[in-house]
């Protein structure tokens, strides 16, 4: 078994998210690229946060362990829009990621958090939090 790299982890998670968002017409902002969110009523941003690996076994110069992480999907909706749109989309994202494996990335139970309006009243926000883990080592 080859442990996935940080890039492989991110891409596996983002591919599935794209598969959920694309049919719904929701644009996903890309990392480190300009994104004009003013052209959208609803858009999304994804962040992969890797935790510190934990070694479980050591032997013959090789270690085996796990790396936890969290995949955060932020959904932004213009004010005065029906939040039911975001609630339904959050439900679809939770269902897509619930307890599945994406190669060597193992998703746990997702949860949705309603953040609400930002300070400027520009966007209403929901976050879907997806804990995951991978193997590290060989």
C-alpha atoms as a PDB file:
ATOM      1  CA  UNK A   1       0.000   0.000   0.000  1.00  0.00           C
ATOM      2  CA  UNK A   2       1.335   3.409  -0.953  1.00  0.00           C
ATOM      3  CA  UNK A   3       0.185   6.248   1.288  1.00  0.00           C
ATOM      4  CA  UNK A   4      -1.352   9.164  -0.621  1.00  0.00           C
ATOM      5  CA  UNK A   5       0.534  12.443  -0.836  1.00  0.00           C
ATOM      6  CA  UNK A   6      -1.079  15.668   0.421  1.00  0.00           C
ATOM      7  CA  UNK A   7      -1.821  16.599  -3.206  1.00  0.00           C
ATOM      8  CA  UNK A   8      -3.435  13.218  -3.917  1.00  0.00           C
ATOM      9  CA  UNK A   9      -5.583  13.581  -0.795  1.00  0.00           C
ATOM     10  CA  UNK A  10      -6.788  17.040  -1.821  1.00  0.00           C
ATOM     11  CA  UNK A  11      -7.517  16.013  -5.403  1.00  0.00           C
ATOM     12  CA  UNK A  12      -9.496  12.916  -4.379  1.00  0.00           C
ATOM     13  CA  UNK A  13     -11.728  14.996  -2.120  1.00  0.00           C
ATOM     14  CA  UNK A  14     -12.124  17.864  -4.600  1.00  0.00           C
ATOM     15  CA  UNK A  15     -12.998  15.507  -7.486  1.00  0.00           C
ATOM     16  CA  UNK A  16     -15.931  14.060  -5.579  1.00  0.00           C
ATOM     17  CA  UNK A  17     -17.056  17.519  -4.496  1.00  0.00           C
ATOM     18  CA  UNK A  18     -16.937  18.706  -8.113  1.00  0.00           C
ATOM     19  CA  UNK A  19     -19.067  15.702  -9.113  1.00  0.00           C
ATOM     20  CA  UNK A  20     -21.701  16.822  -6.582  1.00  0.00           C
ATOM     21  CA  UNK A  21     -21.585  20.560  -7.344  1.00  0.00           C
ATOM     22  CA  UNK A  22     -21.270  20.541 -11.127  1.00  0.00           C
ATOM     23  CA  UNK A  23     -24.727  19.072 -11.931  1.00  0.00           C
ATOM     24  CA  UNK A  24     -26.232  21.674  -9.579  1.00  0.00           C
ATOM     25  CA  UNK A  25     -24.515  24.519 -11.476  1.00  0.00           C
ATOM     26  CA  UNK A  26     -22.498  25.582  -8.426  1.00  0.00           C
ATOM     27  CA  UNK A  27     -19.082  27.033  -9.190  1.00  0.00           C
ATOM     28  CA  UNK A  28     -16.125  25.875  -7.095  1.00  0.00           C
ATOM     29  CA  UNK A  29     -13.329  28.386  -6.601  1.00  0.00           C
ATOM     30  CA  UNK A  30      -9.896  27.052  -7.523  1.00  0.00           C
ATOM     31  CA  UNK A  31      -6.837  27.282  -5.278  1.00  0.00           C
ATOM     32  CA  UNK A  32      -4.635  30.326  -5.841  1.00  0.00           C
ATOM     33  CA  UNK A  33      -6.572  31.490  -8.931  1.00  0.00           C
ATOM     34  CA  UNK A  34      -8.728  34.558  -9.414  1.00  0.00           C
ATOM     35  CA  UNK A  35     -12.402  33.856  -8.859  1.00  0.00           C
ATOM     36  CA  UNK A  36     -15.138  36.392  -9.533  1.00  0.00           C
ATOM     37  CA  UNK A  37     -17.761  35.397  -6.996  1.00  0.00           C
ATOM     38  CA  UNK A  38     -19.804  38.499  -7.860  1.00  0.00           C
ATOM     39  CA  UNK A  39     -21.110  36.673 -10.935  1.00  0.00           C
ATOM     40  CA  UNK A  40     -22.676  33.910  -8.826  1.00  0.00           C
ATOM     41  CA  UNK A  41     -25.756  33.607  -6.628  1.00  0.00           C
ATOM     42  CA  UNK A  42     -24.275  30.528  -4.994  1.00  0.00           C
ATOM     43  CA  UNK A  43     -20.647  29.379  -4.999  1.00  0.00           C
ATOM     44  CA  UNK A  44     -18.355  27.088  -3.025  1.00  0.00           C
ATOM     45  CA  UNK A  45     -14.824  26.960  -1.684  1.00  0.00           C
ATOM     46  CA  UNK A  46     -13.030  23.847  -0.432  1.00  0.00           C
ATOM     47  CA  UNK A  47     -10.148  23.571   2.006  1.00  0.00           C
ATOM     48  CA  UNK A  48      -8.216  20.459   2.984  1.00  0.00           C
ATOM     49  CA  UNK A  49      -6.542  20.619   6.388  1.00  0.00           C
ATOM     50  CA  UNK A  50      -4.125  17.831   7.189  1.00  0.00           C
ATOM     51  CA  UNK A  51      -3.479  16.851  10.782  1.00  0.00           C
ATOM     52  CA  UNK A  52      -0.300  15.470  12.275  1.00  0.00           C
ATOM     53  CA  UNK A  53       0.457  11.832  11.426  1.00  0.00           C
ATOM     54  CA  UNK A  54       0.482   9.308  14.263  1.00  0.00           C
ATOM     55  CA  UNK A  55       2.870   6.379  14.135  1.00  0.00           C
ATOM     56  CA  UNK A  56       1.311   3.064  15.111  1.00  0.00           C
ATOM     57  CA  UNK A  57       4.060   0.589  14.238  1.00  0.00           C
ATOM     58  CA  UNK A  58       7.799   0.827  13.659  1.00  0.00           C
ATOM     59  CA  UNK A  59      10.023  -1.793  12.159  1.00  0.00           C
ATOM     60  CA  UNK A  60      12.919  -2.369   9.752  1.00  0.00           C
ATOM     61  CA  UNK A  61      13.327   1.342   9.056  1.00  0.00           C
ATOM     62  CA  UNK A  62       9.677   1.740   8.080  1.00  0.00           C
ATOM     63  CA  UNK A  63       6.811   3.174  10.055  1.00  0.00           C
ATOM     64  CA  UNK A  64       3.094   2.715   9.615  1.00  0.00           C
ATOM     65  CA  UNK A  65       0.527   5.153  10.921  1.00  0.00           C
ATOM     66  CA  UNK A  66      -2.455   7.323  10.158  1.00  0.00           C
ATOM     67  CA  UNK A  67      -2.905  10.937   9.176  1.00  0.00           C
ATOM     68  CA  UNK A  68      -6.168  12.620  10.174  1.00  0.00           C
ATOM     69  CA  UNK A  69      -7.605  15.592   8.383  1.00  0.00           C
ATOM     70  CA  UNK A  70     -10.702  17.593   7.691  1.00  0.00           C
ATOM     71  CA  UNK A  71     -12.192  18.667   4.371  1.00  0.00           C
ATOM     72  CA  UNK A  72     -14.185  21.884   4.734  1.00  0.00           C
ATOM     73  CA  UNK A  73     -16.715  22.836   2.078  1.00  0.00           C
ATOM     74  CA  UNK A  74     -17.938  26.419   2.398  1.00  0.00           C
ATOM     75  CA  UNK A  75     -21.119  27.372   0.533  1.00  0.00           C
ATOM     76  CA  UNK A  76     -21.940  31.032  -0.022  1.00  0.00           C
ATOM     77  CA  UNK A  77     -25.417  32.272  -0.963  1.00  0.00           C
ATOM     78  CA  UNK A  78     -26.468  35.843  -1.708  1.00  0.00           C
ATOM     79  CA  UNK A  79     -28.661  37.438   0.997  1.00  0.00           C
ATOM     80  CA  UNK A  80     -32.418  37.427   0.504  1.00  0.00           C
ATOM     81  CA  UNK A  81     -32.247  34.017  -1.241  1.00  0.00           C
ATOM     82  CA  UNK A  82     -33.998  30.893   0.027  1.00  0.00           C
ATOM     83  CA  UNK A  83     -31.508  29.099   2.309  1.00  0.00           C
ATOM     84  CA  UNK A  84     -33.278  25.844   1.426  1.00  0.00           C
ATOM     85  CA  UNK A  85     -31.091  25.762  -1.684  1.00  0.00           C
ATOM     86  CA  UNK A  86     -27.970  25.527   0.495  1.00  0.00           C
ATOM     87  CA  UNK A  87     -29.572  23.121   2.949  1.00  0.00           C
ATOM     88  CA  UNK A  88     -30.391  20.706   0.121  1.00  0.00           C
ATOM     89  CA  UNK A  89     -26.899  21.036  -1.317  1.00  0.00           C
ATOM     90  CA  UNK A  90     -25.330  20.415   2.113  1.00  0.00           C
ATOM     91  CA  UNK A  91     -27.432  17.277   2.384  1.00  0.00           C
ATOM     92  CA  UNK A  92     -26.209  16.068  -1.031  1.00  0.00           C
ATOM     93  CA  UNK A  93     -22.590  16.724  -0.040  1.00  0.00           C
ATOM     94  CA  UNK A  94     -23.031  14.887   3.278  1.00  0.00           C
ATOM     95  CA  UNK A  95     -24.591  11.909   1.492  1.00  0.00           C
ATOM     96  CA  UNK A  96     -21.829  11.777  -1.137  1.00  0.00           C
ATOM     97  CA  UNK A  97     -19.016  11.772   1.446  1.00  0.00           C
ATOM     98  CA  UNK A  98     -20.640   9.752   4.244  1.00  0.00           C
ATOM     99  CA  UNK A  99     -18.367   6.871   5.311  1.00  0.00           C
ATOM    100  CA  UNK A 100     -16.822   6.275   1.880  1.00  0.00           C
ATOM    101  CA  UNK A 101     -13.301   5.579   0.746  1.00  0.00           C
ATOM    102  CA  UNK A 102     -11.711   7.484  -2.106  1.00  0.00           C
ATOM    103  CA  UNK A 103      -8.826   5.198  -2.858  1.00  0.00           C
ATOM    104  CA  UNK A 104      -6.705   5.531   0.272  1.00  0.00           C
ATOM    105  CA  UNK A 105      -8.693   8.454   1.730  1.00  0.00           C
ATOM    106  CA  UNK A 106     -11.323   7.293   4.221  1.00  0.00           C
ATOM    107  CA  UNK A 107     -14.135   9.737   4.985  1.00  0.00           C
ATOM    108  CA  UNK A 108     -15.941   9.724   8.290  1.00  0.00           C
ATOM    109  CA  UNK A 109     -19.334  11.230   9.212  1.00  0.00           C
ATOM    110  CA  UNK A 110     -19.893  14.727   7.705  1.00  0.00           C
ATOM    111  CA  UNK A 111     -21.669  17.522   9.554  1.00  0.00           C
ATOM    112  CA  UNK A 112     -23.244  20.772   8.361  1.00  0.00           C
ATOM    113  CA  UNK A 113     -22.826  24.046  10.246  1.00  0.00           C
ATOM    114  CA  UNK A 114     -24.971  27.089   9.459  1.00  0.00           C
ATOM    115  CA  UNK A 115     -22.636  30.088   9.806  1.00  0.00           C
ATOM    116  CA  UNK A 116     -25.116  32.772   8.691  1.00  0.00           C
ATOM    117  CA  UNK A 117     -24.493  36.230   7.248  1.00  0.00           C
ATOM    118  CA  UNK A 118     -20.993  37.647   7.174  1.00  0.00           C
ATOM    119  CA  UNK A 119     -20.130  41.019   8.760  1.00  0.00           C
ATOM    120  CA  UNK A 120     -20.798  42.926   5.538  1.00  0.00           C
ATOM    121  CA  UNK A 121     -24.115  41.118   4.909  1.00  0.00           C
ATOM    122  CA  UNK A 122     -22.706  40.095   1.525  1.00  0.00           C
ATOM    123  CA  UNK A 123     -23.048  36.289   1.785  1.00  0.00           C
ATOM    124  CA  UNK A 124     -24.988  33.739   3.806  1.00  0.00           C
ATOM    125  CA  UNK A 125     -22.705  30.807   4.614  1.00  0.00           C
ATOM    126  CA  UNK A 126     -22.972  27.104   5.367  1.00  0.00           C
ATOM    127  CA  UNK A 127     -19.997  24.810   6.040  1.00  0.00           C
ATOM    128  CA  UNK A 128     -19.915  21.054   5.541  1.00  0.00           C
ATOM    129  CA  UNK A 129     -17.176  19.518   7.670  1.00  0.00           C
ATOM    130  CA  UNK A 130     -15.887  16.123   6.510  1.00  0.00           C
ATOM    131  CA  UNK A 131     -13.355  14.386   8.769  1.00  0.00           C
ATOM    132  CA  UNK A 132     -11.081  11.905   6.993  1.00  0.00           C
ATOM    133  CA  UNK A 133      -7.961   9.853   7.541  1.00  0.00           C
ATOM    134  CA  UNK A 134      -5.296   8.154   5.434  1.00  0.00           C
ATOM    135  CA  UNK A 135      -2.475   5.722   6.018  1.00  0.00           C
ATOM    136  CA  UNK A 136       1.072   7.037   6.185  1.00  0.00           C
ATOM    137  CA  UNK A 137       4.178   4.965   5.656  1.00  0.00           C
ATOM    138  CA  UNK A 138       4.414   1.747   3.695  1.00  0.00           C
END
